C-alpha cells in the first residue's frame, strides 16, 4: 500500500503512513504506483495510462474546489452583538449631544421661567458680576406669578451674536461659542417671542459633551444710583441690597449710594429710619435710572416719636423763653439747635429779638413773661412746608399766647393772640434738635 502524499510504500492494512503520518486510502492498493503519485493533474504516459487524471486525484480536487466558507453560529452572535453595541453607542452619543446641547438648554430655561421655577432658571445663567447672587435673583422674581403657556418653540437664528451681548457672558472665547435662539409661546392666547443667547463655557459634561449656559442679556442693570433721606435704611423686598456710598452734593439731608448690579424685577421698596414711619413703594425696575431716586421722600414720625417731641417741645420752648426773658446770651441755649440752624443764623436772630423785647430794669419796660394755652399740636409733612428738608419733623402749633408786659416797671398788662406757627425738629446724631424756631 502506497501513501498518496509521500508515495512511499507501507504495509498492507495500515491506516496511516508510517513515514509522513497521512491517512492511507484503501483505493491505493494494486494499480497505484509511485509514478502515479505526482501532483494532482499531472498527465502521465506509459503502459496502462490513457493520459487522464487518476480517479482518486480527481475526486479530491473536485471536493476541495466545490467547498464554501461556513461561519459558526457563535461567530454570528459576536458579530451581531458588535453591530448592536456600535449602534447603541452612536445613538447614545447623539442623544447626549441633544440633551446637553444649546437648544435643549434654551427650552429648559424658558420653561423654568414661565413656570416660576426661578431657582432652576438661575442655574442656567452664565454670571460673574458682583452682587448678582441667587438670593438677589430670587428676590427680584418674588412678585412674579406662574404663567399658563402653550406652543413653546425654540428656533436657532442665523447670524453672529452682537459684541455687546457677548461681553455680558462670563464664558465664550470667540463668536463661534455663541448661538442665537428665538423663543416663541402663547401666554393667555397672546403670542410672545424673545431672543435668548446660549454660550459654550469651555467645560464638558461627562468628558464628552460641551457645556452651555444662558447669556444674561437684558436681565440686570449696573451702577444704579440710590438717593434716600439721610440716616435712613433702604430695603428691597425685605433685604438690604449690596451698595456702596457715593458722593452727595448735600450729605446733611440725603444719602447717595450705588448698587453695582441689580436684576430687573418688581421690588417692594422700604425706607426705614428710627422713630419714623416706614415709607413703602412698589417699584418695577427695568433699567430706568431714576427708579430708586427718593430725593423728595419725607418720612413722618411714628406715634412714639410724636408723643416724645410734644413733651420735648414744651420743655424746649419754656427753656428758651425763660432764658430770653432773663436776657441771657444765645450761647446758653445753642445746644438746643442743630448745626444747620446754628450756621444759618435765623434761630439766633429770632432768639435775640425775643430777648430784646424782654423787660429789663434799665429800660423799665418790656415783656415780663409768656403763657401758652389751648394748645393743639399736629404733625405735618415737610412737603407741606415751604422751608423744610427730608428728615425734618414739623410740629404745627395752634393755640393762644398771652404776653405779659409792662411800660413803667410796675403795672403789668397782658395781650392774648391766637396764632399758628411751625416748629421744626431734625434728628442729629441720634438726638432730636430744633431746626427752626418761629
Protein backbone atom coordinates (compact mmCIF):
# COMPACT_ATOMS: atom_id res chain seq x y z
CA UNK A 1 0.00 0.00 0.00
CA UNK A 2 1.48 3.30 -1.12
CA UNK A 3 0.94 6.69 0.57
CA UNK A 4 -0.82 9.20 -1.67
CA UNK A 5 1.07 12.03 -0.04
CA UNK A 6 4.69 10.93 0.07
CA UNK A 7 4.47 7.93 -2.34
CA UNK A 8 6.28 5.56 -0.01
CA UNK A 9 5.14 2.00 0.42
CA UNK A 10 3.54 0.89 3.66
CA UNK A 11 2.50 -2.50 4.90
CA UNK A 12 -0.94 -3.62 3.87
CA UNK A 13 -3.67 -2.97 6.46
CA UNK A 14 -2.05 0.16 7.88
CA UNK A 15 -4.39 3.18 8.29
CA UNK A 16 -1.70 5.87 8.48
CA UNK A 17 1.58 6.34 6.65
CA UNK A 18 4.47 5.28 8.82
CA UNK A 19 6.68 7.94 7.16
CA UNK A 20 4.55 11.09 6.99
CA UNK A 21 1.50 10.17 9.10
CA UNK A 22 -1.03 10.89 6.35
CA UNK A 23 -4.20 8.73 6.20
CA UNK A 24 -3.83 5.77 3.83
CA UNK A 25 -6.54 5.19 1.22
CA UNK A 26 -7.67 1.67 0.62
CA UNK A 27 -8.10 2.56 -3.09
CA UNK A 28 -4.32 2.91 -3.45
CA UNK A 29 -3.79 -0.83 -3.47
CA UNK A 30 -2.98 -2.55 -6.73
CA UNK A 31 -2.76 -0.14 -9.68
CA UNK A 32 -1.30 2.84 -7.74
CA UNK A 33 2.42 3.28 -8.42
CA UNK A 34 4.94 5.81 -7.25
CA UNK A 35 4.89 7.26 -10.74
CA UNK A 36 1.20 7.93 -10.43
CA UNK A 37 1.75 9.78 -7.13
CA UNK A 38 2.79 13.05 -8.76
CA UNK A 39 0.99 16.35 -8.29
CA UNK A 40 -2.73 16.13 -8.92
CA UNK A 41 -3.48 16.81 -12.54
CA UNK A 42 -0.05 15.71 -13.91
CA UNK A 43 -0.54 13.75 -17.10
CA UNK A 44 1.49 10.56 -17.35
CA UNK A 45 2.34 8.36 -20.38
CA UNK A 46 3.14 4.80 -20.30
CA UNK A 47 1.53 1.39 -20.13
CA UNK A 48 -1.92 1.41 -18.60
CA UNK A 49 -2.15 5.21 -18.58
CA UNK A 50 -4.55 6.90 -21.01
CA UNK A 51 -3.46 10.38 -20.06
CA UNK A 52 -6.43 11.03 -17.72
CA UNK A 53 -6.09 12.03 -14.09
CA UNK A 54 -6.39 9.16 -11.71
CA UNK A 55 -9.78 8.65 -10.18
CA UNK A 56 -8.58 9.25 -6.62
CA UNK A 57 -6.88 12.55 -7.52
CA UNK A 58 -9.85 13.95 -9.42
CA UNK A 59 -12.27 13.21 -6.58
CA UNK A 60 -10.11 15.05 -4.01
CA UNK A 61 -9.74 18.12 -6.24
CA UNK A 62 -13.44 18.35 -7.01
CA UNK A 63 -14.36 18.16 -3.32
CA UNK A 64 -11.87 20.84 -2.39
CA UNK A 65 -12.84 23.19 -5.25
CA UNK A 66 -16.56 22.95 -4.54
CA UNK A 67 -16.27 23.70 -0.78
CA UNK A 68 -17.67 27.09 0.70
CA UNK A 69 -16.74 29.12 3.85
CA UNK A 70 -19.16 28.47 6.69
CA UNK A 71 -19.19 30.69 9.92
CA UNK A 72 -20.04 29.02 13.13
CA UNK A 73 -23.21 30.28 14.97
CA UNK A 74 -21.18 31.67 17.84
CA UNK A 75 -19.27 33.90 15.43
CA UNK A 76 -22.53 35.25 14.02
CA UNK A 77 -23.68 36.09 17.57
CA UNK A 78 -20.49 38.04 18.29
CA UNK A 79 -20.79 39.97 15.02
CA UNK A 80 -24.44 40.90 15.65
CA UNK A 81 -23.70 41.99 19.21
CA UNK A 82 -20.86 44.19 17.97
CA UNK A 83 -23.08 45.89 15.41
CA UNK A 84 -25.80 46.48 18.02
CA UNK A 85 -23.28 47.88 20.50
CA UNK A 86 -21.89 50.28 17.91
CA UNK A 87 -25.41 51.45 17.02
CA UNK A 88 -26.21 51.90 20.71
CA UNK A 89 -23.07 53.96 21.31
CA UNK A 90 -23.73 56.19 18.31
CA UNK A 91 -27.37 56.65 19.29
CA UNK A 92 -26.43 57.38 22.91
CA UNK A 93 -23.86 59.94 21.83
CA UNK A 94 -26.35 61.71 19.57
CA UNK A 95 -28.97 61.71 22.34
CA UNK A 96 -26.47 63.09 24.85
CA UNK A 97 -25.40 65.75 22.38
CA UNK A 98 -29.02 66.91 22.16
CA UNK A 99 -29.78 66.67 25.88
CA UNK A 100 -26.71 68.74 26.76
CA UNK A 101 -26.84 70.94 23.68
CA UNK A 102 -27.80 74.63 23.47
CA UNK A 103 -31.28 74.17 22.01
CA UNK A 104 -32.44 71.89 24.83
CA UNK A 105 -30.86 74.26 27.36
CA UNK A 106 -32.75 77.26 25.98
CA UNK A 107 -36.03 75.35 26.06
CA UNK A 108 -35.47 74.21 29.66
CA UNK A 109 -34.58 77.76 30.68
CA UNK A 110 -37.70 79.18 29.04
CA UNK A 111 -39.92 76.58 30.69
CA UNK A 112 -38.40 77.22 34.11
CA UNK A 113 -39.09 80.95 33.77
CA UNK A 114 -42.65 80.52 32.55
CA UNK A 115 -43.43 78.05 35.32
CA UNK A 116 -41.84 80.15 38.06
CA UNK A 117 -39.00 77.71 38.83
CA UNK A 118 -36.56 80.56 39.44
CA UNK A 119 -34.07 78.52 41.44
CA UNK A 120 -33.62 76.24 38.43
CA UNK A 121 -33.60 79.14 35.96
CA UNK A 122 -30.75 80.84 37.83
CA UNK A 123 -28.63 77.70 37.47
CA UNK A 124 -28.71 78.06 33.68
CA UNK A 125 -27.24 81.58 33.70
CA UNK A 126 -23.61 82.39 32.86
CA UNK A 127 -22.83 85.03 35.50
CA UNK A 128 -19.77 86.58 37.12
CA UNK A 129 -20.98 90.10 38.04
CA UNK A 130 -20.73 91.21 41.65
CA UNK A 131 -24.00 91.21 43.55
CA UNK A 132 -25.90 89.03 41.08
CA UNK A 133 -26.39 86.22 43.56
CA UNK A 134 -29.07 83.57 43.56
CA UNK A 135 -30.68 85.24 46.59
CA UNK A 136 -30.96 88.54 44.70
CA UNK A 137 -32.30 86.79 41.60
CA UNK A 138 -34.99 85.00 43.60
CA UNK A 139 -35.73 88.27 45.40
CA UNK A 140 -36.30 90.10 42.10
CA UNK A 141 -38.75 87.40 40.99
CA UNK A 142 -40.67 87.19 44.28
CA UNK A 143 -43.66 89.14 42.95
CA UNK A 144 -43.94 87.24 39.66
CA UNK A 145 -46.59 84.59 39.14
CA UNK A 146 -46.54 81.42 37.06
CA UNK A 147 -47.83 81.83 33.51
CA UNK A 148 -50.13 79.50 31.59
CA UNK A 149 -48.46 78.95 28.24
CA UNK A 150 -48.80 76.75 25.17
CA UNK A 151 -46.97 76.10 21.89
CA UNK A 152 -43.45 76.70 23.19
CA UNK A 153 -40.94 76.54 20.34
CA UNK A 154 -37.21 77.21 20.10
CA UNK A 155 -35.58 78.03 16.78
CA UNK A 156 -31.97 78.89 16.02
CA UNK A 157 -31.45 82.29 14.41
CA UNK A 158 -28.85 82.92 11.75
CA UNK A 159 -26.08 85.45 12.09
CA UNK A 160 -23.50 86.25 14.74
CA UNK A 161 -24.33 87.47 18.21
CA UNK A 162 -23.62 91.17 18.81
CA UNK A 163 -20.40 92.02 20.61
CA UNK A 164 -22.26 93.97 23.32
CA UNK A 165 -24.21 90.84 24.24
CA UNK A 166 -21.15 88.59 24.11
CA UNK A 167 -19.43 90.87 26.62
CA UNK A 168 -22.15 90.09 29.18
CA UNK A 169 -21.14 86.44 29.32
CA UNK A 170 -18.57 85.07 31.73
CA UNK A 171 -17.55 82.44 29.13
CA UNK A 172 -17.00 82.29 25.40
CA UNK A 173 -13.69 82.89 23.65
CA UNK A 174 -14.97 83.70 20.16
CA UNK A 175 -18.18 84.49 18.30
CA UNK A 176 -18.46 80.79 17.34
CA UNK A 177 -19.13 80.00 21.01
CA UNK A 178 -22.45 81.91 20.91
CA UNK A 179 -25.75 80.84 19.38
CA UNK A 180 -28.91 82.96 18.96
CA UNK A 181 -32.32 81.39 19.55
CA UNK A 182 -35.82 82.75 19.14
CA UNK A 183 -38.28 81.52 21.77
CA UNK A 184 -41.98 81.68 20.99
CA UNK A 185 -45.03 80.71 23.01
CA UNK A 186 -48.61 81.71 23.67
CA UNK A 187 -49.44 83.21 27.05
CA UNK A 188 -53.16 83.60 27.67
CA UNK A 189 -53.71 83.30 23.93
CA UNK A 190 -51.26 86.05 23.01
CA UNK A 191 -48.07 85.18 21.13
CA UNK A 192 -44.89 86.26 22.83
CA UNK A 193 -41.36 85.99 21.50
CA UNK A 194 -37.92 86.75 22.83
CA UNK A 195 -34.29 86.19 21.92
CA UNK A 196 -32.14 84.00 24.13
CA UNK A 197 -28.39 83.55 23.61
CA UNK A 198 -26.51 80.41 24.60
CA UNK A 199 -22.74 80.32 25.16
CA UNK A 200 -20.27 77.44 25.20
CA UNK A 201 -18.45 77.58 28.55
CA UNK A 202 -15.37 75.56 27.62
CA UNK A 203 -16.19 72.79 30.07
CA UNK A 204 -17.53 69.34 29.25
CA UNK A 205 -20.24 67.08 30.59
CA UNK A 206 -19.04 63.52 31.23
CA UNK A 207 -15.89 64.37 29.24
CA UNK A 208 -17.94 64.10 26.01
CA UNK A 209 -20.40 66.96 25.60
CA UNK A 210 -19.87 70.72 25.55
CA UNK A 211 -21.39 72.60 28.47
CA UNK A 212 -23.69 75.51 27.55
CA UNK A 213 -25.11 78.38 29.60
CA UNK A 214 -27.53 81.26 29.03
CA UNK A 215 -26.09 84.75 28.48
CA UNK A 216 -27.87 87.07 30.98
CA UNK A 217 -28.68 89.70 28.36
CA UNK A 218 -31.49 92.06 29.35
CA UNK A 219 -31.68 90.67 32.88
CA UNK A 220 -29.95 93.28 35.02
CA UNK A 221 -28.67 96.83 35.26
CA UNK A 222 -25.34 98.15 36.53
CA UNK A 223 -24.21 101.10 38.66
CA UNK A 224 -27.71 102.01 39.85
CA UNK A 225 -27.92 105.29 41.78
CA UNK A 226 -29.93 105.33 45.02
CA UNK A 227 -30.93 108.51 46.89
CA UNK A 228 -32.62 108.26 50.30
CA UNK A 229 -33.10 110.59 53.29
CA UNK A 230 -30.02 110.83 55.49
CA UNK A 231 -29.69 108.30 58.32
CA UNK A 232 -32.31 106.05 56.73
CA UNK A 233 -32.07 102.45 55.57
CA UNK A 234 -33.18 101.04 52.20
CA UNK A 235 -34.71 97.57 51.83
CA UNK A 236 -35.71 95.82 48.61
CA UNK A 237 -38.26 93.07 49.17
CA UNK A 238 -37.18 92.96 52.79
CA UNK A 239 -33.45 92.64 52.04
CA UNK A 240 -30.66 95.20 52.22
CA UNK A 241 -29.02 95.47 48.78
CA UNK A 242 -25.27 95.36 48.36
CA UNK A 243 -24.41 99.02 47.76
CA UNK A 244 -21.59 101.45 48.36
CA UNK A 245 -21.77 105.08 49.42
CA UNK A 246 -21.30 107.66 46.69
CA UNK A 247 -20.54 111.36 46.81
CA UNK A 248 -23.56 113.56 47.54
CA UNK A 249 -23.95 117.27 46.96
CA UNK A 250 -25.70 117.67 50.29
CA UNK A 251 -24.98 114.85 52.69
CA UNK A 252 -26.85 116.57 55.52
CA UNK A 253 -30.29 115.66 54.28
CA UNK A 254 -29.65 112.93 51.72
CA UNK A 255 -27.52 109.84 51.38
CA UNK A 256 -26.49 108.69 47.91
CA UNK A 257 -25.45 105.11 47.21
CA UNK A 258 -24.61 102.99 44.18
CA UNK A 259 -25.70 99.41 43.60
CA UNK A 260 -23.08 97.68 41.37
CA UNK A 261 -25.61 95.35 39.72
CA UNK A 262 -29.30 94.62 40.19
CA UNK A 263 -31.66 92.19 38.45
CA UNK A 264 -34.64 93.66 36.67
CA UNK A 265 -37.86 92.94 38.51
CA UNK A 266 -40.54 94.22 40.86
CA UNK A 267 -39.33 95.40 44.25
CA UNK A 268 -41.20 96.40 47.39
CA UNK A 269 -39.12 99.38 48.50
CA UNK A 270 -38.97 100.24 52.19
CA UNK A 271 -37.18 103.24 53.67
CA UNK A 272 -36.74 102.97 57.40
CA UNK A 273 -35.46 105.39 59.98
CA UNK A 274 -35.51 105.21 63.74
CA UNK A 275 -38.55 106.97 65.17
CA UNK A 276 -40.21 107.39 61.77
CA UNK A 277 -42.98 105.62 59.92
CA UNK A 278 -41.68 103.26 57.24
CA UNK A 279 -42.07 104.54 53.70
CA UNK A 280 -43.21 101.91 51.19
CA UNK A 281 -43.44 101.94 47.43
CA UNK A 282 -43.67 99.26 44.74
CA UNK A 283 -41.01 99.80 42.06
CA UNK A 284 -40.83 97.93 38.76
CA UNK A 285 -37.17 98.27 37.86
CA UNK A 286 -36.39 97.70 34.19
CA UNK A 287 -33.18 99.71 33.91
CA UNK A 288 -34.64 103.22 34.35
CA UNK A 289 -32.04 105.45 36.01
CA UNK A 290 -34.39 107.24 38.43
CA UNK A 291 -36.16 104.14 39.74
CA UNK A 292 -34.54 104.48 43.18
CA UNK A 293 -34.34 108.26 43.45
CA UNK A 294 -36.19 109.13 46.66
CA UNK A 295 -34.98 112.71 46.86
CA UNK A 296 -38.45 114.04 47.64
CA UNK A 297 -39.45 111.41 50.18
CA UNK A 298 -40.41 112.89 53.56
CA UNK A 299 -40.70 110.45 56.43
CA UNK A 300 -43.32 111.06 59.08
CA UNK A 301 -42.73 110.42 62.80
CA UNK A 302 -44.30 107.38 64.40
CA UNK A 303 -46.67 107.65 67.35
CA UNK A 304 -43.96 107.22 69.95
CA UNK A 305 -41.86 109.99 68.40
CA UNK A 306 -44.86 112.31 68.21
CA UNK A 307 -45.57 111.90 71.92
CA UNK A 308 -41.90 112.37 72.82
CA UNK A 309 -41.50 115.50 70.68
CA UNK A 310 -44.69 117.01 72.03
CA UNK A 311 -43.26 116.81 75.53
CA UNK A 312 -39.83 117.93 74.36
CA UNK A 313 -41.31 120.96 72.62
CA UNK A 314 -42.98 122.15 75.82
CA UNK A 315 -39.70 121.82 77.74
CA UNK A 316 -37.53 123.36 74.99
CA UNK A 317 -39.84 126.29 74.34
CA UNK A 318 -40.17 127.01 78.03
CA UNK A 319 -36.39 126.99 78.50
CA UNK A 320 -35.82 129.29 75.52
CA UNK A 321 -38.45 131.80 76.67
CA UNK A 322 -37.10 131.78 80.19
CA UNK A 323 -33.51 132.38 79.03
CA UNK A 324 -34.52 135.12 76.58
CA UNK A 325 -36.69 136.95 79.09
CA UNK A 326 -33.84 136.82 81.58
CA UNK A 327 -31.60 138.44 78.99
CA UNK A 328 -29.18 135.52 78.68
CA UNK A 329 -26.98 135.21 75.60
CA UNK A 330 -27.79 132.75 72.80
CA UNK A 331 -24.76 130.63 73.69
CA UNK A 332 -26.58 129.41 76.80
CA UNK A 333 -29.26 127.75 74.64
CA UNK A 334 -27.32 126.90 71.45
CA UNK A 335 -27.23 123.18 72.36
CA UNK A 336 -30.97 123.00 71.61
CA UNK A 337 -30.33 123.62 67.90
CA UNK A 338 -28.85 121.62 65.03
CA UNK A 339 -25.58 122.54 63.37
CA UNK A 340 -27.51 123.62 60.30
CA UNK A 341 -29.65 126.01 62.34
CA UNK A 342 -26.57 127.47 64.01
CA UNK A 343 -24.85 128.02 60.67
CA UNK A 344 -27.96 129.58 59.19
CA UNK A 345 -28.21 132.13 61.99
CA UNK A 346 -32.01 132.54 61.84
CA UNK A 347 -32.56 130.82 65.18
CA UNK A 348 -30.10 133.13 66.92
CA UNK A 349 -31.73 136.15 65.30
CA UNK A 350 -35.20 135.14 66.49
CA UNK A 351 -33.88 134.46 69.98
CA UNK A 352 -32.20 137.84 70.19
CA UNK A 353 -35.38 139.58 69.02
CA UNK A 354 -37.26 137.94 71.87
CA UNK A 355 -34.51 138.84 74.30
CA UNK A 356 -34.60 142.46 73.16
CA UNK A 357 -38.35 142.54 73.82
CA UNK A 358 -37.91 141.33 77.38
CA UNK A 359 -38.28 143.62 80.36
CA UNK A 360 -35.16 144.98 81.95
CA UNK A 361 -34.69 147.26 84.93
CA UNK A 362 -32.56 149.55 82.86
CA UNK A 363 -35.29 150.45 80.44
CA UNK A 364 -38.18 149.63 82.79
CA UNK A 365 -40.42 148.23 80.07
CA UNK A 366 -40.84 145.04 78.03
CA UNK A 367 -42.28 141.54 78.20
CA UNK A 368 -42.15 140.02 81.64
CA UNK A 369 -43.49 136.55 80.83
CA UNK A 370 -45.42 134.46 78.26
CA UNK A 371 -48.02 131.75 78.62
CA UNK A 372 -49.38 129.26 76.08
CA UNK A 373 -52.92 127.94 76.35
CA UNK A 374 -55.45 125.96 74.32
CA UNK A 375 -52.55 124.30 72.55
CA UNK A 376 -53.23 121.90 69.71
CA UNK A 377 -50.25 120.20 68.05
CA UNK A 378 -50.33 118.37 64.73
CA UNK A 379 -47.53 116.81 62.77
CA UNK A 380 -47.39 117.75 59.11
CA UNK A 381 -45.30 116.50 56.22
CA UNK A 382 -42.25 118.58 55.36
CA UNK A 383 -43.62 118.56 51.82
CA UNK A 384 -46.36 120.91 53.05
CA UNK A 385 -43.86 123.41 54.40
CA UNK A 386 -42.03 125.85 52.17
CA UNK A 387 -38.95 125.67 54.40
CA UNK A 388 -38.14 122.05 55.17
CA UNK A 389 -35.77 119.25 54.32
CA UNK A 390 -36.11 115.46 54.31
CA UNK A 391 -35.71 114.17 57.84
CA UNK A 392 -37.43 117.17 59.39
CA UNK A 393 -40.34 116.68 61.78
CA UNK A 394 -42.70 119.63 61.78
CA UNK A 395 -44.94 120.43 64.71
CA UNK A 396 -47.67 122.80 63.66
CA UNK A 397 -48.77 124.65 66.80
CA UNK A 398 -52.26 126.09 67.10
CA UNK A 399 -53.07 127.98 70.28
CA UNK A 400 -53.28 131.14 72.30
CA UNK A 401 -50.24 133.01 73.52
CA UNK A 402 -50.59 135.55 76.28
CA UNK A 403 -47.78 138.03 76.67
CA UNK A 404 -47.45 139.98 79.93
CA UNK A 405 -45.59 143.26 79.67
CA UNK A 406 -45.04 146.50 81.46
CA UNK A 407 -44.36 150.03 80.33
CA UNK A 408 -43.39 151.53 83.67
CA UNK A 409 -41.85 148.66 85.51
CA UNK A 410 -44.76 148.45 87.91
CA UNK A 411 -48.08 147.93 86.10
CA UNK A 412 -48.37 144.61 84.21
CA UNK A 413 -50.66 144.33 81.25
CA UNK A 414 -51.48 141.35 79.08
CA UNK A 415 -52.15 140.72 75.44
CA UNK A 416 -53.54 137.46 74.05
CA UNK A 417 -53.49 136.35 70.47
CA UNK A 418 -54.42 133.17 68.60
CA UNK A 419 -51.80 132.06 66.20
CA UNK A 420 -50.32 129.14 64.25
CA UNK A 421 -46.63 128.55 63.83
CA UNK A 422 -44.31 125.72 62.83
CA UNK A 423 -41.54 124.23 64.91
CA UNK A 424 -39.03 122.07 63.00
CA UNK A 425 -37.06 119.27 64.62
CA UNK A 426 -34.33 117.23 62.97
CA UNK A 427 -32.57 114.09 64.17
CA UNK A 428 -28.86 114.84 64.55
CA UNK A 429 -26.50 112.15 65.81
CA UNK A 430 -29.43 110.33 67.36
CA UNK A 431 -30.80 113.40 69.19
CA UNK A 432 -33.84 115.44 68.17
CA UNK A 433 -32.87 119.12 67.95
CA UNK A 434 -34.55 122.31 66.82
CA UNK A 435 -34.03 123.12 63.16
CA UNK A 436 -36.06 126.28 63.20
CA UNK A 437 -37.80 128.39 65.85
CA UNK A 438 -40.57 130.67 64.57
